[in-house]
C-alpha atoms as a PDB file:
ATOM      1  CA  UNK A   1      -6.309  21.431  -7.634  1.00  0.00           C
ATOM      2  CA  UNK A   2      -2.554  21.143  -7.746  1.00  0.00           C
ATOM      3  CA  UNK A   3      -1.034  18.108  -9.415  1.00  0.00           C
ATOM      4  CA  UNK A   4       2.431  16.660  -8.969  1.00  0.00           C
ATOM      5  CA  UNK A   5       3.975  13.777 -10.812  1.00  0.00           C
ATOM      6  CA  UNK A   6       6.555  12.385  -8.442  1.00  0.00           C
ATOM      7  CA  UNK A   7       9.355  10.263  -9.766  1.00  0.00           C
ATOM      8  CA  UNK A   8      11.533   9.201  -6.833  1.00  0.00           C
ATOM      9  CA  UNK A   9      14.426   7.132  -8.171  1.00  0.00           C
ATOM     10  CA  UNK A  10      16.517   5.251  -5.605  1.00  0.00           C
ATOM     11  CA  UNK A  11      19.711   4.608  -7.531  1.00  0.00           C
ATOM     12  CA  UNK A  12      22.391   7.218  -6.840  1.00  0.00           C
ATOM     13  CA  UNK A  13      25.725   6.885  -8.602  1.00  0.00           C
ATOM     14  CA  UNK A  14      25.721   3.159  -9.064  1.00  0.00           C
ATOM     15  CA  UNK A  15      27.803   1.510 -11.765  1.00  0.00           C
ATOM     16  CA  UNK A  16      25.870  -1.142 -13.721  1.00  0.00           C
ATOM     17  CA  UNK A  17      27.175  -3.674 -16.202  1.00  0.00           C
ATOM     18  CA  UNK A  18      24.362  -5.173 -18.236  1.00  0.00           C
ATOM     19  CA  UNK A  19      26.737  -7.699 -19.870  1.00  0.00           C
ATOM     20  CA  UNK A  20      28.171  -8.931 -16.547  1.00  0.00           C
ATOM     21  CA  UNK A  21      24.838  -8.548 -14.734  1.00  0.00           C
ATOM     22  CA  UNK A  22      26.515  -6.605 -11.898  1.00  0.00           C
ATOM     23  CA  UNK A  23      25.765  -3.509  -9.900  1.00  0.00           C
ATOM     24  CA  UNK A  24      28.214  -1.626  -7.680  1.00  0.00           C
ATOM     25  CA  UNK A  25      26.787   1.169  -5.565  1.00  0.00           C
ATOM     26  CA  UNK A  26      28.729   4.258  -4.550  1.00  0.00           C
ATOM     27  CA  UNK A  27      28.221   3.497  -0.839  1.00  0.00           C
ATOM     28  CA  UNK A  28      28.498  -0.279  -1.013  1.00  0.00           C
ATOM     29  CA  UNK A  29      26.189  -3.240  -0.782  1.00  0.00           C
ATOM     30  CA  UNK A  30      23.931  -1.677   1.910  1.00  0.00           C
ATOM     31  CA  UNK A  31      23.056   1.122  -0.519  1.00  0.00           C
ATOM     32  CA  UNK A  32      22.262  -1.389  -3.309  1.00  0.00           C
ATOM     33  CA  UNK A  33      20.116  -3.461  -0.952  1.00  0.00           C
ATOM     34  CA  UNK A  34      18.288  -0.392   0.345  1.00  0.00           C
ATOM     35  CA  UNK A  35      17.702   0.893  -3.198  1.00  0.00           C
ATOM     36  CA  UNK A  36      16.221  -2.478  -4.085  1.00  0.00           C
ATOM     37  CA  UNK A  37      13.771  -2.400  -1.191  1.00  0.00           C
ATOM     38  CA  UNK A  38      12.810   1.221  -1.984  1.00  0.00           C
ATOM     39  CA  UNK A  39      12.374   0.355  -5.688  1.00  0.00           C
ATOM     40  CA  UNK A  40      10.114  -2.534  -4.761  1.00  0.00           C
ATOM     41  CA  UNK A  41       7.986  -0.334  -2.497  1.00  0.00           C
ATOM     42  CA  UNK A  42       7.612   2.209  -5.299  1.00  0.00           C
ATOM     43  CA  UNK A  43       6.825  -0.567  -7.816  1.00  0.00           C
ATOM     44  CA  UNK A  44       4.283  -2.150  -5.501  1.00  0.00           C
ATOM     45  CA  UNK A  45       2.562   1.122  -4.557  1.00  0.00           C
ATOM     46  CA  UNK A  46       3.260   3.073  -7.764  1.00  0.00           C
ATOM     47  CA  UNK A  47      -0.004   4.999  -7.726  1.00  0.00           C
ATOM     48  CA  UNK A  48       0.349   5.935  -4.062  1.00  0.00           C
ATOM     49  CA  UNK A  49       3.437   8.042  -3.214  1.00  0.00           C
ATOM     50  CA  UNK A  50       1.722   8.878   0.106  1.00  0.00           C
ATOM     51  CA  UNK A  51       1.995   5.137   0.858  1.00  0.00           C
ATOM     52  CA  UNK A  52       5.653   4.505  -0.001  1.00  0.00           C
ATOM     53  CA  UNK A  53       7.259   7.806   0.969  1.00  0.00           C
ATOM     54  CA  UNK A  54       6.932   7.170   4.737  1.00  0.00           C
ATOM     55  CA  UNK A  55       8.786   3.841   4.173  1.00  0.00           C
ATOM     56  CA  UNK A  56      11.581   5.630   2.287  1.00  0.00           C
ATOM     57  CA  UNK A  57      11.737   8.397   4.890  1.00  0.00           C
ATOM     58  CA  UNK A  58      11.968   5.831   7.698  1.00  0.00           C
ATOM     59  CA  UNK A  59      14.919   4.103   5.948  1.00  0.00           C
ATOM     60  CA  UNK A  60      16.652   7.419   5.310  1.00  0.00           C
ATOM     61  CA  UNK A  61      16.617   8.206   9.031  1.00  0.00           C
ATOM     62  CA  UNK A  62      18.320   4.926  10.062  1.00  0.00           C
ATOM     63  CA  UNK A  63      22.055   4.828  10.824  1.00  0.00           C
ATOM     64  CA  UNK A  64      23.940   2.544   8.412  1.00  0.00           C
ATOM     65  CA  UNK A  65      24.691  -0.380  10.759  1.00  0.00           C
ATOM     66  CA  UNK A  66      20.964  -0.718  11.429  1.00  0.00           C
ATOM     67  CA  UNK A  67      19.959   0.049   7.865  1.00  0.00           C
ATOM     68  CA  UNK A  68      21.600  -3.080   6.439  1.00  0.00           C
ATOM     69  CA  UNK A  69      19.684  -5.396   8.717  1.00  0.00           C
ATOM     70  CA  UNK A  70      16.656  -7.121   7.172  1.00  0.00           C
ATOM     71  CA  UNK A  71      14.575  -6.386  10.280  1.00  0.00           C
ATOM     72  CA  UNK A  72      14.987  -2.632   9.708  1.00  0.00           C
ATOM     73  CA  UNK A  73      13.301  -2.892   6.286  1.00  0.00           C
ATOM     74  CA  UNK A  74      10.505  -4.896   7.848  1.00  0.00           C
ATOM     75  CA  UNK A  75      10.011  -2.433  10.695  1.00  0.00           C
ATOM     76  CA  UNK A  76       9.885   0.572   8.316  1.00  0.00           C
ATOM     77  CA  UNK A  77       7.350  -1.189   6.140  1.00  0.00           C
ATOM     78  CA  UNK A  78       5.235  -1.943   9.212  1.00  0.00           C
ATOM     79  CA  UNK A  79       5.482   1.668  10.433  1.00  0.00           C
ATOM     80  CA  UNK A  80       4.397   2.850   6.955  1.00  0.00           C
ATOM     81  CA  UNK A  81       1.485   0.345   6.931  1.00  0.00           C
ATOM     82  CA  UNK A  82       2.831  -1.384   3.832  1.00  0.00           C
ATOM     83  CA  UNK A  83       2.546  -5.068   2.999  1.00  0.00           C
ATOM     84  CA  UNK A  84       5.992  -6.324   3.992  1.00  0.00           C
ATOM     85  CA  UNK A  85       5.552  -9.685   2.264  1.00  0.00           C
ATOM     86  CA  UNK A  86       4.881  -7.945  -1.029  1.00  0.00           C
ATOM     87  CA  UNK A  87       7.997  -5.749  -0.775  1.00  0.00           C
ATOM     88  CA  UNK A  88      10.172  -8.539   0.548  1.00  0.00           C
ATOM     89  CA  UNK A  89       9.143 -10.966  -2.223  1.00  0.00           C
ATOM     90  CA  UNK A  90       9.940  -8.345  -4.844  1.00  0.00           C
ATOM     91  CA  UNK A  91      13.341  -7.462  -3.319  1.00  0.00           C
ATOM     92  CA  UNK A  92      14.343 -11.087  -2.932  1.00  0.00           C
ATOM     93  CA  UNK A  93      13.302 -11.990  -6.464  1.00  0.00           C
ATOM     94  CA  UNK A  94      16.601 -11.648  -8.377  1.00  0.00           C
ATOM     95  CA  UNK A  95      14.898 -11.179 -11.764  1.00  0.00           C
ATOM     96  CA  UNK A  96      12.505  -8.502 -10.523  1.00  0.00           C
ATOM     97  CA  UNK A  97      15.170  -6.752  -8.473  1.00  0.00           C
ATOM     98  CA  UNK A  98      17.518  -6.580 -11.541  1.00  0.00           C
ATOM     99  CA  UNK A  99      14.648  -5.298 -13.735  1.00  0.00           C
ATOM    100  CA  UNK A 100      13.911  -2.496 -11.250  1.00  0.00           C
ATOM    101  CA  UNK A 101      17.592  -1.619 -10.904  1.00  0.00           C
ATOM    102  CA  UNK A 102      17.844  -1.336 -14.710  1.00  0.00           C
ATOM    103  CA  UNK A 103      14.759   0.857 -14.810  1.00  0.00           C
ATOM    104  CA  UNK A 104      16.211   3.098 -12.091  1.00  0.00           C
ATOM    105  CA  UNK A 105      19.468   3.351 -14.041  1.00  0.00           C
ATOM    106  CA  UNK A 106      17.569   4.455 -17.151  1.00  0.00           C
ATOM    107  CA  UNK A 107      15.619   7.050 -15.146  1.00  0.00           C
ATOM    108  CA  UNK A 108      18.742   8.556 -13.544  1.00  0.00           C
ATOM    109  CA  UNK A 109      20.064  11.458 -15.641  1.00  0.00           C
ATOM    110  CA  UNK A 110      23.640  10.890 -16.775  1.00  0.00           C
ATOM    111  CA  UNK A 111      24.297  14.572 -16.188  1.00  0.00           C
ATOM    112  CA  UNK A 112      23.402  14.359 -12.489  1.00  0.00           C
ATOM    113  CA  UNK A 113      26.494  15.201 -10.497  1.00  0.00           C
ATOM    114  CA  UNK A 114      25.147  15.511  -6.940  1.00  0.00           C
ATOM    115  CA  UNK A 115      22.337  14.086  -4.810  1.00  0.00           C
ATOM    116  CA  UNK A 116      19.506  14.603  -4.303  1.00  0.00           C
ATOM    117  CA  UNK A 117      18.952  15.601  -7.937  1.00  0.00           C
ATOM    118  CA  UNK A 118      15.646  17.416  -8.153  1.00  0.00           C
ATOM    119  CA  UNK A 119      13.966  18.695 -11.276  1.00  0.00           C
ATOM    120  CA  UNK A 120      10.696  20.551 -11.459  1.00  0.00           C
ATOM    121  CA  UNK A 121       9.156  20.969 -14.917  1.00  0.00           C
ATOM    122  CA  UNK A 122      12.504  19.937 -16.430  1.00  0.00           C
ATOM    123  CA  UNK A 123      14.507  22.533 -14.505  1.00  0.00           C
ATOM    124  CA  UNK A 124      17.152  21.672 -11.889  1.00  0.00           C
ATOM    125  CA  UNK A 125      16.256  22.777  -8.368  1.00  0.00           C
ATOM    126  CA  UNK A 126      19.315  23.119  -6.099  1.00  0.00           C
ATOM    127  CA  UNK A 127      18.344  21.384  -2.832  1.00  0.00           C
ATOM    128  CA  UNK A 128      20.555  22.488   0.080  1.00  0.00           C
END
């Protein structure tokens, strides 16, 4: 059968300072917070993209004022049948959250100049 190795990296064009232990996201704190919840869902369900992608899709469909509210993350996790306590513990653990942000930074190509950045077999795919 067909096989796909999916690497979804919620990070965008964030600016990270390892020395100062800071992260500034292109679209502000809500983007950083959302990235953290998405990274935690991916980390918690790494072997199951079919499990975490509905959560990420749900968040992507929310308007920003609602997106930044903690309840919206909880509702999307519930709709995706994910363990909210697992994701929440991860996102609210400063050490784990920083570790996952650093990993996402390493996985984001420095040459990416638009989003979403999609590569298939190492070749850029222009997504309209």
